Amino acid sequence: MADNNKAAETRKQAQQETAKAVEANSGIKAPTATAMQSAQADGGLPGEPVDYRPNSDETTHLAPHLELGAEAFAELVADKERLSDDAANALLRLERAGQNRTPYVDALMKRLGIKSPYEVTSAGPAYTINVTPVARF
């Protein structure tokens, strides 16, 4: 028990010394230990808005929508009552990281009111895949 108290006291002292050094060298006021613990727990600085983006485990249930035909998909995406903006963002990330088909990416960009898919995701190359049939028989 005494070792735990000593270790905690050593950590606290090291944090205080680091804060003093930061303030002395940069003129920036170092955050308190409580603020740092809160930031580590929350993933951001206290008081700043959290930019939450669902991870793949939370978006895979949307993947079957990408199996729709291009026209049916465009209809689904255009209907804001059937598909939320968060779901549209997630579908754009899934499509860009997967098949990256032009009509699907275009429909999602139109719905979201963006000019580039990079406004939502860094996934995918600088081009999309044209899936328009070359000839019809």
C-alpha atoms as a PDB file:
ATOM      1  CA  MET A   1       0.000   0.000   0.000  1.00  0.00           C
ATOM      2  CA  ALA A   2       2.848   2.368   0.827  1.00  0.00           C
ATOM      3  CA  ASP A   3       4.397   1.632  -2.605  1.00  0.00           C
ATOM      4  CA  ASN A   4       1.155   2.667  -4.358  1.00  0.00           C
ATOM      5  CA  ASN A   5       1.030   5.944  -2.417  1.00  0.00           C
ATOM      6  CA  LYS A   6       4.689   6.624  -3.180  1.00  0.00           C
ATOM      7  CA  ALA A   7       4.165   5.911  -6.887  1.00  0.00           C
ATOM      8  CA  ALA A   8       1.121   8.201  -7.011  1.00  0.00           C
ATOM      9  CA  GLU A   9       3.038  10.967  -5.255  1.00  0.00           C
ATOM     10  CA  THR A  10       5.969  10.544  -7.666  1.00  0.00           C
ATOM     11  CA  ARG A  11       3.608  10.787 -10.674  1.00  0.00           C
ATOM     12  CA  LYS A  12       1.968  13.900  -9.259  1.00  0.00           C
ATOM     13  CA  GLN A  13       5.346  15.529  -8.633  1.00  0.00           C
ATOM     14  CA  ALA A  14       6.508  14.653 -12.178  1.00  0.00           C
ATOM     15  CA  GLN A  15       3.335  16.198 -13.638  1.00  0.00           C
ATOM     16  CA  GLN A  16       3.857  19.372 -11.655  1.00  0.00           C
ATOM     17  CA  GLU A  17       7.495  19.642 -12.768  1.00  0.00           C
ATOM     18  CA  THR A  18       6.514  19.043 -16.386  1.00  0.00           C
ATOM     19  CA  ALA A  19       3.802  21.712 -16.149  1.00  0.00           C
ATOM     20  CA  LYS A  20       6.283  24.231 -14.743  1.00  0.00           C
ATOM     21  CA  ALA A  21       8.803  23.460 -17.508  1.00  0.00           C
ATOM     22  CA  VAL A  22       6.155  23.825 -20.232  1.00  0.00           C
ATOM     23  CA  GLU A  23       4.949  27.125 -18.845  1.00  0.00           C
ATOM     24  CA  ALA A  24       8.507  28.466 -18.433  1.00  0.00           C
ATOM     25  CA  ASN A  25       9.670  27.451 -21.916  1.00  0.00           C
ATOM     26  CA  SER A  26       6.610  28.237 -24.017  1.00  0.00           C
ATOM     27  CA  GLY A  27       4.442  30.725 -22.180  1.00  0.00           C
ATOM     28  CA  ILE A  28       1.558  28.262 -22.520  1.00  0.00           C
ATOM     29  CA  LYS A  29      -0.284  27.411 -19.342  1.00  0.00           C
ATOM     30  CA  ALA A  30      -0.159  23.639 -18.835  1.00  0.00           C
ATOM     31  CA  PRO A  31      -3.446  21.875 -18.097  1.00  0.00           C
ATOM     32  CA  THR A  32      -4.076  20.683 -14.594  1.00  0.00           C
ATOM     33  CA  ALA A  33      -3.719  17.013 -13.702  1.00  0.00           C
ATOM     34  CA  THR A  34      -7.504  16.772 -13.416  1.00  0.00           C
ATOM     35  CA  ALA A  35      -7.968  18.270 -16.894  1.00  0.00           C
ATOM     36  CA  MET A  36      -5.378  15.883 -18.328  1.00  0.00           C
ATOM     37  CA  GLN A  37      -7.079  12.869 -16.744  1.00  0.00           C
ATOM     38  CA  SER A  38     -10.428  14.040 -18.080  1.00  0.00           C
ATOM     39  CA  ALA A  39      -8.971  14.527 -21.570  1.00  0.00           C
ATOM     40  CA  GLN A  40      -7.467  11.051 -21.520  1.00  0.00           C
ATOM     41  CA  ALA A  41     -10.774   9.544 -20.409  1.00  0.00           C
ATOM     42  CA  ASP A  42     -12.884  11.510 -22.924  1.00  0.00           C
ATOM     43  CA  GLY A  43     -10.479  11.442 -25.839  1.00  0.00           C
ATOM     44  CA  GLY A  44     -10.481  15.231 -26.151  1.00  0.00           C
ATOM     45  CA  LEU A  45      -9.962  18.397 -24.180  1.00  0.00           C
ATOM     46  CA  PRO A  46     -12.664  19.365 -21.700  1.00  0.00           C
ATOM     47  CA  GLY A  47     -15.243  21.706 -23.199  1.00  0.00           C
ATOM     48  CA  GLU A  48     -14.362  20.870 -26.811  1.00  0.00           C
ATOM     49  CA  PRO A  49     -17.022  19.209 -28.965  1.00  0.00           C
ATOM     50  CA  VAL A  50     -16.414  15.549 -29.674  1.00  0.00           C
ATOM     51  CA  ASP A  51     -16.239  14.595 -33.355  1.00  0.00           C
ATOM     52  CA  TYR A  52     -17.903  11.203 -33.157  1.00  0.00           C
ATOM     53  CA  ARG A  53     -17.750   8.958 -36.194  1.00  0.00           C
ATOM     54  CA  PRO A  54     -19.064   5.442 -35.954  1.00  0.00           C
ATOM     55  CA  ASN A  55     -16.522   2.679 -36.398  1.00  0.00           C
ATOM     56  CA  SER A  56     -16.946  -0.237 -38.785  1.00  0.00           C
ATOM     57  CA  ASP A  57     -18.673  -2.378 -36.168  1.00  0.00           C
ATOM     58  CA  GLU A  58     -21.411   0.238 -35.950  1.00  0.00           C
ATOM     59  CA  THR A  59     -21.865   0.684 -39.704  1.00  0.00           C
ATOM     60  CA  THR A  60     -21.723  -2.819 -41.132  1.00  0.00           C
ATOM     61  CA  HIS A  61     -25.495  -3.161 -40.760  1.00  0.00           C
ATOM     62  CA  LEU A  62     -25.755  -0.523 -43.512  1.00  0.00           C
ATOM     63  CA  ALA A  63     -23.626  -2.509 -45.989  1.00  0.00           C
ATOM     64  CA  PRO A  64     -26.590  -4.380 -47.562  1.00  0.00           C
ATOM     65  CA  HIS A  65     -27.838  -1.032 -48.903  1.00  0.00           C
ATOM     66  CA  LEU A  66     -24.756  -0.973 -51.139  1.00  0.00           C
ATOM     67  CA  GLU A  67     -26.006  -4.146 -52.841  1.00  0.00           C
ATOM     68  CA  LEU A  68     -29.001  -2.282 -54.287  1.00  0.00           C
ATOM     69  CA  GLY A  69     -28.937  -1.307 -57.946  1.00  0.00           C
ATOM     70  CA  ALA A  70     -27.668   2.189 -58.689  1.00  0.00           C
ATOM     71  CA  GLU A  71     -31.154   3.659 -59.270  1.00  0.00           C
ATOM     72  CA  ALA A  72     -32.694   2.061 -56.184  1.00  0.00           C
ATOM     73  CA  PHE A  73     -29.711   3.181 -54.127  1.00  0.00           C
ATOM     74  CA  ALA A  74     -30.040   6.775 -55.394  1.00  0.00           C
ATOM     75  CA  GLU A  75     -33.730   6.751 -54.416  1.00  0.00           C
ATOM     76  CA  LEU A  76     -32.911   5.463 -50.935  1.00  0.00           C
ATOM     77  CA  VAL A  77     -30.164   8.032 -50.420  1.00  0.00           C
ATOM     78  CA  ALA A  78     -32.363  10.918 -51.589  1.00  0.00           C
ATOM     79  CA  ASP A  79     -35.072  10.066 -49.016  1.00  0.00           C
ATOM     80  CA  LYS A  80     -34.032  11.804 -45.781  1.00  0.00           C
ATOM     81  CA  GLU A  81     -36.808  10.087 -43.838  1.00  0.00           C
ATOM     82  CA  ARG A  82     -35.472   6.626 -44.668  1.00  0.00           C
ATOM     83  CA  LEU A  83     -31.759   7.393 -44.282  1.00  0.00           C
ATOM     84  CA  SER A  84     -30.175   9.754 -41.755  1.00  0.00           C
ATOM     85  CA  ASP A  85     -27.211  11.980 -42.522  1.00  0.00           C
ATOM     86  CA  ASP A  86     -25.024   9.869 -40.223  1.00  0.00           C
ATOM     87  CA  ALA A  87     -26.024   6.756 -42.159  1.00  0.00           C
ATOM     88  CA  ALA A  88     -25.249   8.504 -45.457  1.00  0.00           C
ATOM     89  CA  ASN A  89     -21.806   9.458 -44.113  1.00  0.00           C
ATOM     90  CA  ALA A  90     -21.213   5.865 -43.052  1.00  0.00           C
ATOM     91  CA  LEU A  91     -22.320   4.540 -46.443  1.00  0.00           C
ATOM     92  CA  LEU A  92     -19.942   6.922 -48.216  1.00  0.00           C
ATOM     93  CA  ARG A  93     -17.059   5.682 -46.073  1.00  0.00           C
ATOM     94  CA  LEU A  94     -18.019   2.058 -46.754  1.00  0.00           C
ATOM     95  CA  GLU A  95     -18.377   2.594 -50.512  1.00  0.00           C
ATOM     96  CA  ARG A  96     -15.123   4.526 -50.849  1.00  0.00           C
ATOM     97  CA  ALA A  97     -13.235   1.889 -48.859  1.00  0.00           C
ATOM     98  CA  GLY A  98     -14.870  -0.901 -50.855  1.00  0.00           C
ATOM     99  CA  GLN A  99     -16.100  -0.888 -54.443  1.00  0.00           C
ATOM    100  CA  ASN A 100     -15.884   2.905 -54.937  1.00  0.00           C
ATOM    101  CA  ARG A 101     -18.514   3.016 -57.724  1.00  0.00           C
ATOM    102  CA  THR A 102     -19.211   6.369 -59.361  1.00  0.00           C
ATOM    103  CA  PRO A 103     -23.049   6.427 -59.213  1.00  0.00           C
ATOM    104  CA  TYR A 104     -23.055   5.423 -55.542  1.00  0.00           C
ATOM    105  CA  VAL A 105     -20.423   7.963 -54.529  1.00  0.00           C
ATOM    106  CA  ASP A 106     -22.154  10.680 -56.594  1.00  0.00           C
ATOM    107  CA  ALA A 107     -25.559   9.972 -55.012  1.00  0.00           C
ATOM    108  CA  LEU A 108     -24.079  10.167 -51.523  1.00  0.00           C
ATOM    109  CA  MET A 109     -22.133  13.356 -52.271  1.00  0.00           C
ATOM    110  CA  LYS A 110     -25.296  14.967 -53.662  1.00  0.00           C
ATOM    111  CA  ARG A 111     -27.273  13.953 -50.569  1.00  0.00           C
ATOM    112  CA  LEU A 112     -24.617  15.284 -48.204  1.00  0.00           C
ATOM    113  CA  GLY A 113     -24.087  18.476 -50.214  1.00  0.00           C
ATOM    114  CA  ILE A 114     -20.343  17.987 -50.594  1.00  0.00           C
ATOM    115  CA  LYS A 115     -18.024  18.459 -53.555  1.00  0.00           C
ATOM    116  CA  SER A 116     -15.463  15.816 -52.648  1.00  0.00           C
ATOM    117  CA  PRO A 117     -15.731  12.526 -50.762  1.00  0.00           C
ATOM    118  CA  TYR A 118     -12.588  13.586 -48.909  1.00  0.00           C
ATOM    119  CA  GLU A 119     -14.804  15.981 -46.936  1.00  0.00           C
ATOM    120  CA  VAL A 120     -16.157  12.858 -45.188  1.00  0.00           C
ATOM    121  CA  THR A 121     -13.481  10.186 -45.516  1.00  0.00           C
ATOM    122  CA  SER A 122      -9.870   9.735 -46.527  1.00  0.00           C
ATOM    123  CA  ALA A 123     -10.639   6.274 -47.913  1.00  0.00           C
ATOM    124  CA  GLY A 124     -10.367   5.562 -51.616  1.00  0.00           C
ATOM    125  CA  PRO A 125      -8.271   6.864 -54.485  1.00  0.00           C
ATOM    126  CA  ALA A 126      -8.692  10.176 -56.295  1.00  0.00           C
ATOM    127  CA  TYR A 127     -11.037   8.513 -58.791  1.00  0.00           C
ATOM    128  CA  THR A 128     -14.188   6.406 -58.713  1.00  0.00           C
ATOM    129  CA  ILE A 129     -15.022   3.291 -60.738  1.00  0.00           C
ATOM    130  CA  ASN A 130     -17.326   3.835 -63.712  1.00  0.00           C
ATOM    131  CA  VAL A 131     -19.829   0.961 -63.711  1.00  0.00           C
ATOM    132  CA  THR A 132     -21.855   2.120 -66.725  1.00  0.00           C
ATOM    133  CA  PRO A 133     -22.353  -0.709 -69.220  1.00  0.00           C
ATOM    134  CA  VAL A 134     -20.293  -0.248 -72.397  1.00  0.00           C
ATOM    135  CA  ALA A 135     -22.925  -1.737 -74.689  1.00  0.00           C
ATOM    136  CA  ARG A 136     -26.502  -2.891 -74.311  1.00  0.00           C
ATOM    137  CA  PHE A 137     -27.760  -5.976 -76.052  1.00  0.00           C
END
